[in-house]
Amino acid sequence: MPENYQSKYLAAAVQMAPVWLDREATTQKVCDKIRELGKQGVRLIVFPETVVPGTPHWIWFEPANSELFLRLFTNAVEIPGPTIDAVSQACRDANAYVILGVHERCGKALYNSLVHIDEQGEVVNVHRKVIATHSEKVIWAGGDGAGLKTVQTSFGKVGGLICAEHNMSLPRHALAQQGEEVHAAVFISGSARRGEEFNTWVDTWCRSYALANQTYVVCAQSVATEEEIERFNLLGPGGGSSIIAPDGTYLAGPLLEVEGDIIAEIDRVQGMRLYSLFDTVGYHGRPDIFDLRVSRSRPSRNLSAPAPASLTSQ
């Protein structure tokens, strides 16, 4: 084992409500939470999909609402930029690796992006959701494969996917091919709108992901604020975050209807016990039959948030 190898550590899924469509206030809330969890010894912290600055509920109810789009666009996150600088400082203060969902603004386009920031405050990967789901296409441009990577850390190879990407077989397998050990599964406050139906999807996607790819899954789903619930007549706050072991069982959660932190110990050695049962990219993957190739390019017009050149496929 490498000298800095960590077999056991604490991970957290943050079930958080944004300060809806307010980038600065939500960023401060994120940074406060990082520092709070760092004091508890948490090493890996996962925040929900596009939590900065929040879920764009109107795209399912009134997709042509340009005023709400304008609020979102002007409160979106540039990478690099002040929001990422603030979160990076919090990572350094907490000695924590953070995976954060943001609305990323690049030129005139918005992307649904997942940002990895390490303990030194360095942005080590930016994954853009490869294809927006259903009405989401109204506001988000399609992503690419540049950030579809695992990141090698002292506590394992870490990857992540966004919401319905978990229903796409090839992105799942692309991360499995890179030896992913811990997976961040991030979601909007979908159960606030769809109720138990959405949580059934999340439960199915995340538990099957853990078992099929032999990974721990840290599932972070946001909850809706009172403003969102009243404005869009939502069912409630929603939520359903959890941490799942590689055998598909819950280590913590799911947590419903309230903000909160779901914390559990990741034990990499315990996870290895399942390798003798399944081997997704080895003998069970039949690489002699199947060959998945991923384009790692990011179009030159969309390079505000490059996937760092130092991050090759692990």
C-alpha atoms as a PDB file:
ATOM      1  CA  MET A   1       0.000   0.000   0.000  1.00  0.00           C
ATOM      2  CA  PRO A   2       1.252   3.566  -0.668  1.00  0.00           C
ATOM      3  CA  GLU A   3       2.554   5.444   2.358  1.00  0.00           C
ATOM      4  CA  ASN A   4      -0.366   7.903   2.358  1.00  0.00           C
ATOM      5  CA  TYR A   5      -2.995   5.207   1.736  1.00  0.00           C
ATOM      6  CA  GLN A   6      -6.082   5.686   3.903  1.00  0.00           C
ATOM      7  CA  SER A   7      -8.182   2.577   4.426  1.00  0.00           C
ATOM      8  CA  LYS A   8     -10.876   4.181   6.556  1.00  0.00           C
ATOM      9  CA  TYR A   9     -12.262   7.727   6.588  1.00  0.00           C
ATOM     10  CA  LEU A  10     -15.504   9.642   7.041  1.00  0.00           C
ATOM     11  CA  ALA A  11     -17.619  10.784   4.104  1.00  0.00           C
ATOM     12  CA  ALA A  12     -20.669  13.032   4.150  1.00  0.00           C
ATOM     13  CA  ALA A  13     -23.603  13.680   1.853  1.00  0.00           C
ATOM     14  CA  VAL A  14     -24.957  17.164   2.519  1.00  0.00           C
ATOM     15  CA  GLN A  15     -28.732  17.367   2.105  1.00  0.00           C
ATOM     16  CA  MET A  16     -28.997  21.116   1.757  1.00  0.00           C
ATOM     17  CA  ALA A  17     -31.454  23.769   0.649  1.00  0.00           C
ATOM     18  CA  PRO A  18     -29.896  26.645  -1.275  1.00  0.00           C
ATOM     19  CA  VAL A  19     -30.607  30.278  -0.690  1.00  0.00           C
ATOM     20  CA  TRP A  20     -32.618  29.996  -3.857  1.00  0.00           C
ATOM     21  CA  LEU A  21     -31.107  31.776  -6.881  1.00  0.00           C
ATOM     22  CA  ASP A  22     -28.680  33.687  -4.620  1.00  0.00           C
ATOM     23  CA  ARG A  23     -25.129  32.627  -5.508  1.00  0.00           C
ATOM     24  CA  GLU A  24     -23.259  34.533  -2.804  1.00  0.00           C
ATOM     25  CA  ALA A  25     -25.531  33.515   0.074  1.00  0.00           C
ATOM     26  CA  THR A  26     -25.603  29.872  -1.045  1.00  0.00           C
ATOM     27  CA  THR A  27     -21.819  29.839  -1.448  1.00  0.00           C
ATOM     28  CA  GLN A  28     -21.424  31.113   2.099  1.00  0.00           C
ATOM     29  CA  LYS A  29     -23.743  28.361   3.317  1.00  0.00           C
ATOM     30  CA  VAL A  30     -21.664  25.773   1.448  1.00  0.00           C
ATOM     31  CA  CYS A  31     -18.392  27.103   2.877  1.00  0.00           C
ATOM     32  CA  ASP A  32     -19.764  27.159   6.438  1.00  0.00           C
ATOM     33  CA  LYS A  33     -20.863  23.538   6.048  1.00  0.00           C
ATOM     34  CA  ILE A  34     -17.457  22.455   4.726  1.00  0.00           C
ATOM     35  CA  ARG A  35     -15.693  23.989   7.726  1.00  0.00           C
ATOM     36  CA  GLU A  36     -18.242  22.500  10.136  1.00  0.00           C
ATOM     37  CA  LEU A  37     -17.816  18.990   8.729  1.00  0.00           C
ATOM     38  CA  GLY A  38     -14.041  19.395   8.593  1.00  0.00           C
ATOM     39  CA  LYS A  39     -14.027  19.931  12.365  1.00  0.00           C
ATOM     40  CA  GLN A  40     -15.839  16.587  12.665  1.00  0.00           C
ATOM     41  CA  GLY A  41     -13.051  14.859  10.751  1.00  0.00           C
ATOM     42  CA  VAL A  42     -14.977  14.344   7.502  1.00  0.00           C
ATOM     43  CA  ARG A  43     -12.577  13.953   4.572  1.00  0.00           C
ATOM     44  CA  LEU A  44     -14.973  13.646   1.597  1.00  0.00           C
ATOM     45  CA  ILE A  45     -17.967  15.998   1.339  1.00  0.00           C
ATOM     46  CA  VAL A  46     -20.561  15.744  -1.440  1.00  0.00           C
ATOM     47  CA  PHE A  47     -23.102  18.500  -2.156  1.00  0.00           C
ATOM     48  CA  PRO A  48     -26.209  18.134  -4.368  1.00  0.00           C
ATOM     49  CA  GLU A  49     -26.648  18.808  -8.058  1.00  0.00           C
ATOM     50  CA  THR A  50     -26.672  22.533  -8.988  1.00  0.00           C
ATOM     51  CA  VAL A  51     -27.083  23.505  -5.347  1.00  0.00           C
ATOM     52  CA  VAL A  52     -25.381  26.774  -6.273  1.00  0.00           C
ATOM     53  CA  PRO A  53     -27.688  28.579  -6.774  1.00  0.00           C
ATOM     54  CA  GLY A  54     -30.541  25.997  -6.725  1.00  0.00           C
ATOM     55  CA  THR A  55     -33.018  23.833  -8.628  1.00  0.00           C
ATOM     56  CA  PRO A  56     -34.645  25.533 -11.677  1.00  0.00           C
ATOM     57  CA  HIS A  57     -38.161  24.247 -10.961  1.00  0.00           C
ATOM     58  CA  TRP A  58     -39.839  26.548 -13.490  1.00  0.00           C
ATOM     59  CA  ILE A  59     -38.566  24.549 -16.459  1.00  0.00           C
ATOM     60  CA  TRP A  60     -41.225  21.904 -15.687  1.00  0.00           C
ATOM     61  CA  PHE A  61     -44.017  24.423 -15.090  1.00  0.00           C
ATOM     62  CA  GLU A  62     -43.338  27.588 -17.095  1.00  0.00           C
ATOM     63  CA  PRO A  63     -40.266  26.935 -19.288  1.00  0.00           C
ATOM     64  CA  ALA A  64     -40.461  30.270 -21.113  1.00  0.00           C
ATOM     65  CA  ASN A  65     -40.106  32.324 -17.901  1.00  0.00           C
ATOM     66  CA  SER A  66     -37.252  34.592 -18.968  1.00  0.00           C
ATOM     67  CA  GLU A  67     -37.154  36.521 -15.680  1.00  0.00           C
ATOM     68  CA  LEU A  68     -36.316  33.414 -13.674  1.00  0.00           C
ATOM     69  CA  PHE A  69     -33.784  32.394 -16.302  1.00  0.00           C
ATOM     70  CA  LEU A  70     -32.167  35.824 -15.988  1.00  0.00           C
ATOM     71  CA  ARG A  71     -31.916  35.409 -12.206  1.00  0.00           C
ATOM     72  CA  LEU A  72     -30.312  32.020 -12.719  1.00  0.00           C
ATOM     73  CA  PHE A  73     -27.928  33.203 -15.429  1.00  0.00           C
ATOM     74  CA  THR A  74     -26.659  36.158 -13.416  1.00  0.00           C
ATOM     75  CA  ASN A  75     -26.221  33.960 -10.319  1.00  0.00           C
ATOM     76  CA  ALA A  76     -24.460  31.109 -12.131  1.00  0.00           C
ATOM     77  CA  VAL A  77     -20.856  30.173 -11.343  1.00  0.00           C
ATOM     78  CA  GLU A  78     -17.823  30.905 -13.487  1.00  0.00           C
ATOM     79  CA  ILE A  79     -14.879  28.489 -13.273  1.00  0.00           C
ATOM     80  CA  PRO A  80     -12.450  29.851 -12.269  1.00  0.00           C
ATOM     81  CA  GLY A  81     -14.095  32.665 -10.334  1.00  0.00           C
ATOM     82  CA  PRO A  82     -14.936  34.069  -6.880  1.00  0.00           C
ATOM     83  CA  THR A  83     -17.336  31.268  -5.928  1.00  0.00           C
ATOM     84  CA  ILE A  84     -14.758  28.586  -6.584  1.00  0.00           C
ATOM     85  CA  ASP A  85     -12.090  30.663  -4.809  1.00  0.00           C
ATOM     86  CA  ALA A  86     -14.256  30.823  -1.684  1.00  0.00           C
ATOM     87  CA  VAL A  87     -15.008  27.092  -1.708  1.00  0.00           C
ATOM     88  CA  SER A  88     -11.340  26.296  -2.339  1.00  0.00           C
ATOM     89  CA  GLN A  89     -10.355  28.248   0.772  1.00  0.00           C
ATOM     90  CA  ALA A  90     -12.938  26.346   2.804  1.00  0.00           C
ATOM     91  CA  CYS A  91     -11.481  23.044   1.528  1.00  0.00           C
ATOM     92  CA  ARG A  92      -8.028  24.112   2.694  1.00  0.00           C
ATOM     93  CA  ASP A  93      -9.359  25.179   6.080  1.00  0.00           C
ATOM     94  CA  ALA A  94     -11.241  21.902   6.546  1.00  0.00           C
ATOM     95  CA  ASN A  95      -8.607  19.614   4.968  1.00  0.00           C
ATOM     96  CA  ALA A  96     -11.487  18.124   2.973  1.00  0.00           C
ATOM     97  CA  TYR A  97     -12.107  16.980  -0.589  1.00  0.00           C
ATOM     98  CA  VAL A  98     -15.354  18.502  -1.864  1.00  0.00           C
ATOM     99  CA  ILE A  99     -17.610  17.612  -4.785  1.00  0.00           C
ATOM    100  CA  LEU A 100     -20.023  20.451  -5.528  1.00  0.00           C
ATOM    101  CA  GLY A 101     -22.890  20.784  -8.006  1.00  0.00           C
ATOM    102  CA  VAL A 102     -23.183  24.178  -9.698  1.00  0.00           C
ATOM    103  CA  HIS A 103     -24.836  25.947 -12.581  1.00  0.00           C
ATOM    104  CA  GLU A 104     -21.699  26.790 -14.574  1.00  0.00           C
ATOM    105  CA  ARG A 105     -21.760  29.853 -16.844  1.00  0.00           C
ATOM    106  CA  CYS A 106     -19.434  29.763 -19.842  1.00  0.00           C
ATOM    107  CA  GLY A 107     -19.997  32.589 -22.297  1.00  0.00           C
ATOM    108  CA  LYS A 108     -23.712  32.622 -23.090  1.00  0.00           C
ATOM    109  CA  ALA A 109     -24.256  28.973 -22.156  1.00  0.00           C
ATOM    110  CA  LEU A 110     -25.117  27.278 -18.878  1.00  0.00           C
ATOM    111  CA  TYR A 111     -23.892  23.814 -17.923  1.00  0.00           C
ATOM    112  CA  ASN A 112     -24.940  21.454 -15.154  1.00  0.00           C
ATOM    113  CA  SER A 113     -21.495  20.846 -13.671  1.00  0.00           C
ATOM    114  CA  LEU A 114     -19.898  18.813 -10.902  1.00  0.00           C
ATOM    115  CA  VAL A 115     -16.720  20.393  -9.517  1.00  0.00           C
ATOM    116  CA  HIS A 116     -14.056  18.418  -7.637  1.00  0.00           C
ATOM    117  CA  ILE A 117     -11.865  20.487  -5.286  1.00  0.00           C
ATOM    118  CA  ASP A 118      -9.115  18.769  -3.300  1.00  0.00           C
ATOM    119  CA  GLU A 119      -7.743  19.459   0.188  1.00  0.00           C
ATOM    120  CA  GLN A 120      -5.251  21.953  -1.221  1.00  0.00           C
ATOM    121  CA  GLY A 121      -8.081  23.935  -2.772  1.00  0.00           C
ATOM    122  CA  GLU A 122      -7.215  22.892  -6.331  1.00  0.00           C
ATOM    123  CA  VAL A 123      -9.937  22.246  -8.903  1.00  0.00           C
ATOM    124  CA  VAL A 124      -8.982  18.760 -10.042  1.00  0.00           C
ATOM    125  CA  ASN A 125     -11.939  17.959 -12.270  1.00  0.00           C
ATOM    126  CA  VAL A 126     -15.075  19.539 -13.751  1.00  0.00           C
ATOM    127  CA  HIS A 127     -17.686  17.168 -15.143  1.00  0.00           C
ATOM    128  CA  ARG A 128     -20.466  18.655 -17.259  1.00  0.00           C
ATOM    129  CA  LYS A 129     -23.672  16.625 -17.465  1.00  0.00           C
ATOM    130  CA  VAL A 130     -23.434  14.951 -20.836  1.00  0.00           C
ATOM    131  CA  ILE A 131     -27.085  15.462 -21.781  1.00  0.00           C
ATOM    132  CA  ALA A 132     -29.821  17.437 -20.059  1.00  0.00           C
ATOM    133  CA  THR A 133     -32.905  15.435 -19.073  1.00  0.00           C
ATOM    134  CA  HIS A 134     -36.327  16.265 -20.563  1.00  0.00           C
ATOM    135  CA  SER A 135     -37.215  19.934 -19.848  1.00  0.00           C
ATOM    136  CA  GLU A 136     -33.700  20.642 -18.612  1.00  0.00           C
ATOM    137  CA  LYS A 137     -32.707  21.115 -22.247  1.00  0.00           C
ATOM    138  CA  VAL A 138     -34.416  24.519 -22.037  1.00  0.00           C
ATOM    139  CA  ILE A 139     -31.529  25.917 -19.964  1.00  0.00           C
ATOM    140  CA  TRP A 140     -28.496  23.589 -20.082  1.00  0.00           C
ATOM    141  CA  ALA A 141     -26.134  22.947 -22.948  1.00  0.00           C
ATOM    142  CA  GLY A 142     -24.884  19.410 -23.510  1.00  0.00           C
ATOM    143  CA  GLY A 143     -21.635  18.499 -21.785  1.00  0.00           C
ATOM    144  CA  ASP A 144     -18.717  16.338 -22.928  1.00  0.00           C
ATOM    145  CA  GLY A 145     -16.451  13.508 -21.867  1.00  0.00           C
ATOM    146  CA  ALA A 146     -13.559  15.672 -20.690  1.00  0.00           C
ATOM    147  CA  GLY A 147     -14.564  15.422 -17.041  1.00  0.00           C
ATOM    148  CA  LEU A 148     -15.881  11.858 -17.158  1.00  0.00           C
ATOM    149  CA  LYS A 149     -12.953  10.724 -15.026  1.00  0.00           C
ATOM    150  CA  THR A 150     -11.948   9.369 -11.677  1.00  0.00           C
ATOM    151  CA  VAL A 151      -9.546  11.358  -9.533  1.00  0.00           C
ATOM    152  CA  GLN A 152      -6.773   9.545  -7.691  1.00  0.00           C
ATOM    153  CA  THR A 153      -6.671  10.618  -4.044  1.00  0.00           C
ATOM    154  CA  SER A 154      -5.034   9.231  -0.921  1.00  0.00           C
ATOM    155  CA  PHE A 155      -8.416   7.780   0.057  1.00  0.00           C
ATOM    156  CA  GLY A 156      -9.305   6.133  -3.249  1.00  0.00           C
ATOM    157  CA  LYS A 157     -10.317   6.805  -6.813  1.00  0.00           C
ATOM    158  CA  VAL A 158     -13.263   9.172  -6.717  1.00  0.00           C
ATOM    159  CA  GLY A 159     -15.782   9.829  -9.490  1.00  0.00           C
ATOM    160  CA  GLY A 160     -19.250  11.268  -9.884  1.00  0.00           C
ATOM    161  CA  LEU A 161     -22.317  11.493 -12.094  1.00  0.00           C
ATOM    162  CA  ILE A 162     -25.285  13.840 -12.176  1.00  0.00           C
ATOM    163  CA  CYS A 163     -28.909  12.724 -11.702  1.00  0.00           C
ATOM    164  CA  ALA A 164     -30.234  10.791 -14.735  1.00  0.00           C
ATOM    165  CA  GLU A 165     -26.706  10.065 -15.963  1.00  0.00           C
ATOM    166  CA  HIS A 166     -27.117   7.159 -13.535  1.00  0.00           C
ATOM    167  CA  ASN A 167     -29.665   5.744 -15.964  1.00  0.00           C
ATOM    168  CA  MET A 168     -27.090   5.768 -18.776  1.00  0.00           C
ATOM    169  CA  SER A 169     -25.096   2.548 -18.964  1.00  0.00           C
ATOM    170  CA  LEU A 170     -22.004   3.925 -20.721  1.00  0.00           C
ATOM    171  CA  PRO A 171     -21.068   6.765 -18.318  1.00  0.00           C
ATOM    172  CA  ARG A 172     -21.400   4.273 -15.466  1.00  0.00           C
ATOM    173  CA  HIS A 173     -19.092   1.848 -17.211  1.00  0.00           C
ATOM    174  CA  ALA A 174     -16.642   4.592 -18.186  1.00  0.00           C
ATOM    175  CA  LEU A 175     -16.020   5.306 -14.493  1.00  0.00           C
ATOM    176  CA  ALA A 176     -15.891   1.608 -13.628  1.00  0.00           C
ATOM    177  CA  GLN A 177     -13.150   1.148 -16.237  1.00  0.00           C
ATOM    178  CA  GLN A 178     -11.034   3.645 -14.307  1.00  0.00           C
ATOM    179  CA  GLY A 179     -11.202   1.681 -11.057  1.00  0.00           C
ATOM    180  CA  GLU A 180     -13.646   3.975  -9.253  1.00  0.00           C
ATOM    181  CA  GLU A 181     -13.860   3.166  -5.530  1.00  0.00           C
ATOM    182  CA  VAL A 182     -16.105   5.960  -4.237  1.00  0.00           C
ATOM    183  CA  HIS A 183     -18.869   7.537  -6.285  1.00  0.00           C
ATOM    184  CA  ALA A 184     -20.661  10.866  -5.812  1.00  0.00           C
ATOM    185  CA  ALA A 185     -24.281  10.635  -7.002  1.00  0.00           C
ATOM    186  CA  VAL A 186     -25.850  14.094  -7.001  1.00  0.00           C
ATOM    187  CA  PHE A 187     -29.478  15.120  -7.524  1.00  0.00           C
ATOM    188  CA  ILE A 188     -31.713  18.197  -7.563  1.00  0.00           C
ATOM    189  CA  SER A 189     -34.695  18.421  -5.180  1.00  0.00           C
ATOM    190  CA  GLY A 190     -36.637  16.148  -7.520  1.00  0.00           C
ATOM    191  CA  SER A 191     -38.663  14.441  -4.812  1.00  0.00           C
ATOM    192  CA  ALA A 192     -40.044  17.849  -3.800  1.00  0.00           C
ATOM    193  CA  ARG A 193     -41.824  17.821  -7.159  1.00  0.00           C
ATOM    194  CA  ARG A 194     -42.335  14.129  -7.939  1.00  0.00           C
ATOM    195  CA  GLY A 195     -42.486  12.660  -4.435  1.00  0.00           C
ATOM    196  CA  GLU A 196     -41.881   8.969  -3.882  1.00  0.00           C
ATOM    197  CA  GLU A 197     -41.543   8.289  -7.619  1.00  0.00           C
ATOM    198  CA  PHE A 198     -38.299  10.276  -7.744  1.00  0.00           C
ATOM    199  CA  ASN A 199     -36.903   8.619  -4.619  1.00  0.00           C
ATOM    200  CA  THR A 200     -37.647   5.210  -6.126  1.00  0.00           C
ATOM    201  CA  TRP A 201     -35.511   6.201  -9.118  1.00  0.00           C
ATOM    202  CA  VAL A 202     -32.699   7.469  -6.885  1.00  0.00           C
ATOM    203  CA  ASP A 203     -32.785   4.343  -4.720  1.00  0.00           C
ATOM    204  CA  THR A 204     -32.705   2.056  -7.773  1.00  0.00           C
ATOM    205  CA  TRP A 205     -29.945   3.976  -9.558  1.00  0.00           C
ATOM    206  CA  CYS A 206     -27.669   4.358  -6.546  1.00  0.00           C
ATOM    207  CA  ARG A 207     -27.980   0.897  -5.031  1.00  0.00           C
ATOM    208  CA  SER A 208     -27.577  -0.789  -8.406  1.00  0.00           C
ATOM    209  CA  TYR A 209     -24.583   1.456  -9.155  1.00  0.00           C
ATOM    210  CA  ALA A 210     -22.911   0.422  -5.909  1.00  0.00           C
ATOM    211  CA  LEU A 211     -23.454  -3.275  -6.523  1.00  0.00           C
ATOM    212  CA  ALA A 212     -22.689  -3.303 -10.255  1.00  0.00           C
ATOM    213  CA  ASN A 213     -19.512  -1.199  -9.985  1.00  0.00           C
ATOM    214  CA  GLN A 214     -18.385  -2.409  -6.541  1.00  0.00           C
ATOM    215  CA  THR A 215     -18.179   1.149  -5.210  1.00  0.00           C
ATOM    216  CA  TYR A 216     -19.314   3.130  -2.222  1.00  0.00           C
ATOM    217  CA  VAL A 217     -21.972   5.652  -3.287  1.00  0.00           C
ATOM    218  CA  VAL A 218     -22.370   9.005  -1.543  1.00  0.00           C
ATOM    219  CA  CYS A 219     -25.799  10.223  -2.670  1.00  0.00           C
ATOM    220  CA  ALA A 220     -26.606  13.910  -2.124  1.00  0.00           C
ATOM    221  CA  GLN A 221     -30.049  15.284  -2.967  1.00  0.00           C
ATOM    222  CA  SER A 222     -31.072  18.868  -2.258  1.00  0.00           C
ATOM    223  CA  VAL A 223     -34.238  19.942  -0.485  1.00  0.00           C
ATOM    224  CA  ALA A 224     -36.556  22.772  -1.496  1.00  0.00           C
ATOM    225  CA  THR A 225     -36.958  25.991   0.455  1.00  0.00           C
ATOM    226  CA  GLU A 226     -40.310  27.402   1.576  1.00  0.00           C
ATOM    227  CA  GLU A 227     -40.005  29.964  -1.229  1.00  0.00           C
ATOM    228  CA  GLU A 228     -39.699  27.186  -3.817  1.00  0.00           C
ATOM    229  CA  ILE A 229     -42.509  25.104  -2.296  1.00  0.00           C
ATOM    230  CA  GLU A 230     -44.934  28.041  -2.295  1.00  0.00           C
ATOM    231  CA  ARG A 231     -43.873  29.460  -5.675  1.00  0.00           C
ATOM    232  CA  PHE A 232     -44.288  26.160  -7.534  1.00  0.00           C
ATOM    233  CA  ASN A 233     -46.823  24.365  -5.312  1.00  0.00           C
ATOM    234  CA  LEU A 234     -44.367  21.565  -4.590  1.00  0.00           C
ATOM    235  CA  LEU A 235     -45.229  18.514  -2.504  1.00  0.00           C
ATOM    236  CA  GLY A 236     -42.733  19.394   0.207  1.00  0.00           C
ATOM    237  CA  PRO A 237     -39.007  19.781   0.884  1.00  0.00           C
ATOM    238  CA  GLY A 238     -38.109  16.416  -0.639  1.00  0.00           C
ATOM    239  CA  GLY A 239     -34.717  14.867  -0.019  1.00  0.00           C
ATOM    240  CA  GLY A 240     -33.495  11.294   0.122  1.00  0.00           C
ATOM    241  CA  SER A 241     -29.717  11.433   0.564  1.00  0.00           C
ATOM    242  CA  SER A 242     -27.751   8.418   1.730  1.00  0.00           C
ATOM    243  CA  ILE A 243     -24.440   6.567   1.787  1.00  0.00           C
ATOM    244  CA  ILE A 244     -24.427   3.071   0.296  1.00  0.00           C
ATOM    245  CA  ALA A 245     -21.926   0.220   0.625  1.00  0.00           C
ATOM    246  CA  PRO A 246     -20.590  -1.731  -2.395  1.00  0.00           C
ATOM    247  CA  ASP A 247     -23.017  -4.571  -1.632  1.00  0.00           C
ATOM    248  CA  GLY A 248     -25.981  -2.200  -2.152  1.00  0.00           C
ATOM    249  CA  THR A 249     -26.921  -1.825   1.522  1.00  0.00           C
ATOM    250  CA  TYR A 250     -27.425   1.509   3.268  1.00  0.00           C
ATOM    251  CA  LEU A 251     -24.716   2.646   5.661  1.00  0.00           C
ATOM    252  CA  ALA A 252     -26.624   5.850   6.476  1.00  0.00           C
ATOM    253  CA  GLY A 253     -29.924   7.354   5.387  1.00  0.00           C
ATOM    254  CA  PRO A 254     -31.957   7.873   3.377  1.00  0.00           C
ATOM    255  CA  LEU A 255     -32.879  11.164   5.021  1.00  0.00           C
ATOM    256  CA  LEU A 256     -36.227  12.679   4.015  1.00  0.00           C
ATOM    257  CA  GLU A 257     -37.906  16.092   4.152  1.00  0.00           C
ATOM    258  CA  VAL A 258     -35.272  18.004   6.166  1.00  0.00           C
ATOM    259  CA  GLU A 259     -31.807  19.455   5.770  1.00  0.00           C
ATOM    260  CA  GLY A 260     -29.063  17.370   7.337  1.00  0.00           C
ATOM    261  CA  ASP A 261     -25.714  15.642   7.013  1.00  0.00           C
ATOM    262  CA  ILE A 262     -25.482  11.926   6.280  1.00  0.00           C
ATOM    263  CA  ILE A 263     -22.131  10.687   7.562  1.00  0.00           C
ATOM    264  CA  ALA A 264     -20.623   7.212   7.365  1.00  0.00           C
ATOM    265  CA  GLU A 265     -17.244   5.523   7.412  1.00  0.00           C
ATOM    266  CA  ILE A 266     -15.783   4.393   4.123  1.00  0.00           C
ATOM    267  CA  ASP A 267     -13.716   1.226   4.556  1.00  0.00           C
ATOM    268  CA  ARG A 268     -11.796   0.535   1.352  1.00  0.00           C
ATOM    269  CA  VAL A 269     -10.552  -2.870   2.488  1.00  0.00           C
ATOM    270  CA  GLN A 270     -14.104  -3.955   3.342  1.00  0.00           C
ATOM    271  CA  GLY A 271     -15.135  -2.879  -0.137  1.00  0.00           C
ATOM    272  CA  MET A 272     -12.514  -5.138  -1.679  1.00  0.00           C
ATOM    273  CA  ARG A 273     -14.273  -8.209  -0.281  1.00  0.00           C
ATOM    274  CA  LEU A 274     -16.829  -7.936  -3.061  1.00  0.00           C
ATOM    275  CA  TYR A 275     -14.213  -8.079  -5.806  1.00  0.00           C
ATOM    276  CA  SER A 276     -14.193 -11.886  -5.719  1.00  0.00           C
ATOM    277  CA  LEU A 277     -17.929 -11.916  -6.419  1.00  0.00           C
ATOM    278  CA  PHE A 278     -18.087  -9.355  -9.244  1.00  0.00           C
ATOM    279  CA  ASP A 279     -15.502  -7.768 -11.506  1.00  0.00           C
ATOM    280  CA  THR A 280     -17.277  -5.335 -13.770  1.00  0.00           C
ATOM    281  CA  VAL A 281     -14.338  -4.416 -15.965  1.00  0.00           C
ATOM    282  CA  GLY A 282     -12.342  -7.637 -15.625  1.00  0.00           C
ATOM    283  CA  TYR A 283     -13.616 -11.122 -16.283  1.00  0.00           C
ATOM    284  CA  HIS A 284     -17.284 -10.104 -15.885  1.00  0.00           C
ATOM    285  CA  GLY A 285     -16.734  -7.180 -18.258  1.00  0.00           C
ATOM    286  CA  ARG A 286     -15.431  -9.445 -21.026  1.00  0.00           C
ATOM    287  CA  PRO A 287     -13.005  -6.877 -22.476  1.00  0.00           C
ATOM    288  CA  ASP A 288     -12.278  -9.379 -25.239  1.00  0.00           C
ATOM    289  CA  ILE A 289     -15.862  -8.797 -26.471  1.00  0.00           C
ATOM    290  CA  PHE A 290     -16.695  -5.228 -25.427  1.00  0.00           C
ATOM    291  CA  ASP A 291     -14.619  -2.077 -25.958  1.00  0.00           C
ATOM    292  CA  LEU A 292     -15.809   1.304 -24.637  1.00  0.00           C
ATOM    293  CA  ARG A 293     -13.932   4.365 -25.878  1.00  0.00           C
ATOM    294  CA  VAL A 294     -14.573   7.836 -24.468  1.00  0.00           C
ATOM    295  CA  SER A 295     -13.739  11.112 -26.194  1.00  0.00           C
ATOM    296  CA  ARG A 296     -11.911  13.274 -23.638  1.00  0.00           C
ATOM    297  CA  SER A 297     -11.996  16.453 -25.699  1.00  0.00           C
ATOM    298  CA  ARG A 298     -13.726  19.652 -24.626  1.00  0.00           C
ATOM    299  CA  PRO A 299     -14.751  21.907 -27.532  1.00  0.00           C
ATOM    300  CA  SER A 300     -12.441  24.921 -27.707  1.00  0.00           C
ATOM    301  CA  ARG A 301     -15.375  27.332 -27.525  1.00  0.00           C
ATOM    302  CA  ASN A 302     -16.311  25.887 -24.108  1.00  0.00           C
ATOM    303  CA  LEU A 303     -12.965  25.928 -22.325  1.00  0.00           C
ATOM    304  CA  SER A 304     -13.666  28.210 -19.368  1.00  0.00           C
ATOM    305  CA  ALA A 305     -13.573  25.145 -17.127  1.00  0.00           C
ATOM    306  CA  PRO A 306     -11.051  22.723 -18.605  1.00  0.00           C
ATOM    307  CA  ALA A 307     -10.547  19.313 -17.154  1.00  0.00           C
ATOM    308  CA  PRO A 308      -6.949  19.675 -15.908  1.00  0.00           C
ATOM    309  CA  ALA A 309      -4.401  18.175 -18.287  1.00  0.00           C
ATOM    310  CA  SER A 310      -2.797  16.350 -15.368  1.00  0.00           C
ATOM    311  CA  LEU A 311      -5.913  14.228 -14.993  1.00  0.00           C
ATOM    312  CA  THR A 312      -5.496  11.304 -17.309  1.00  0.00           C
ATOM    313  CA  SER A 313      -7.816   8.309 -17.180  1.00  0.00           C
ATOM    314  CA  GLN A 314      -7.033   6.320 -14.069  1.00  0.00           C
END
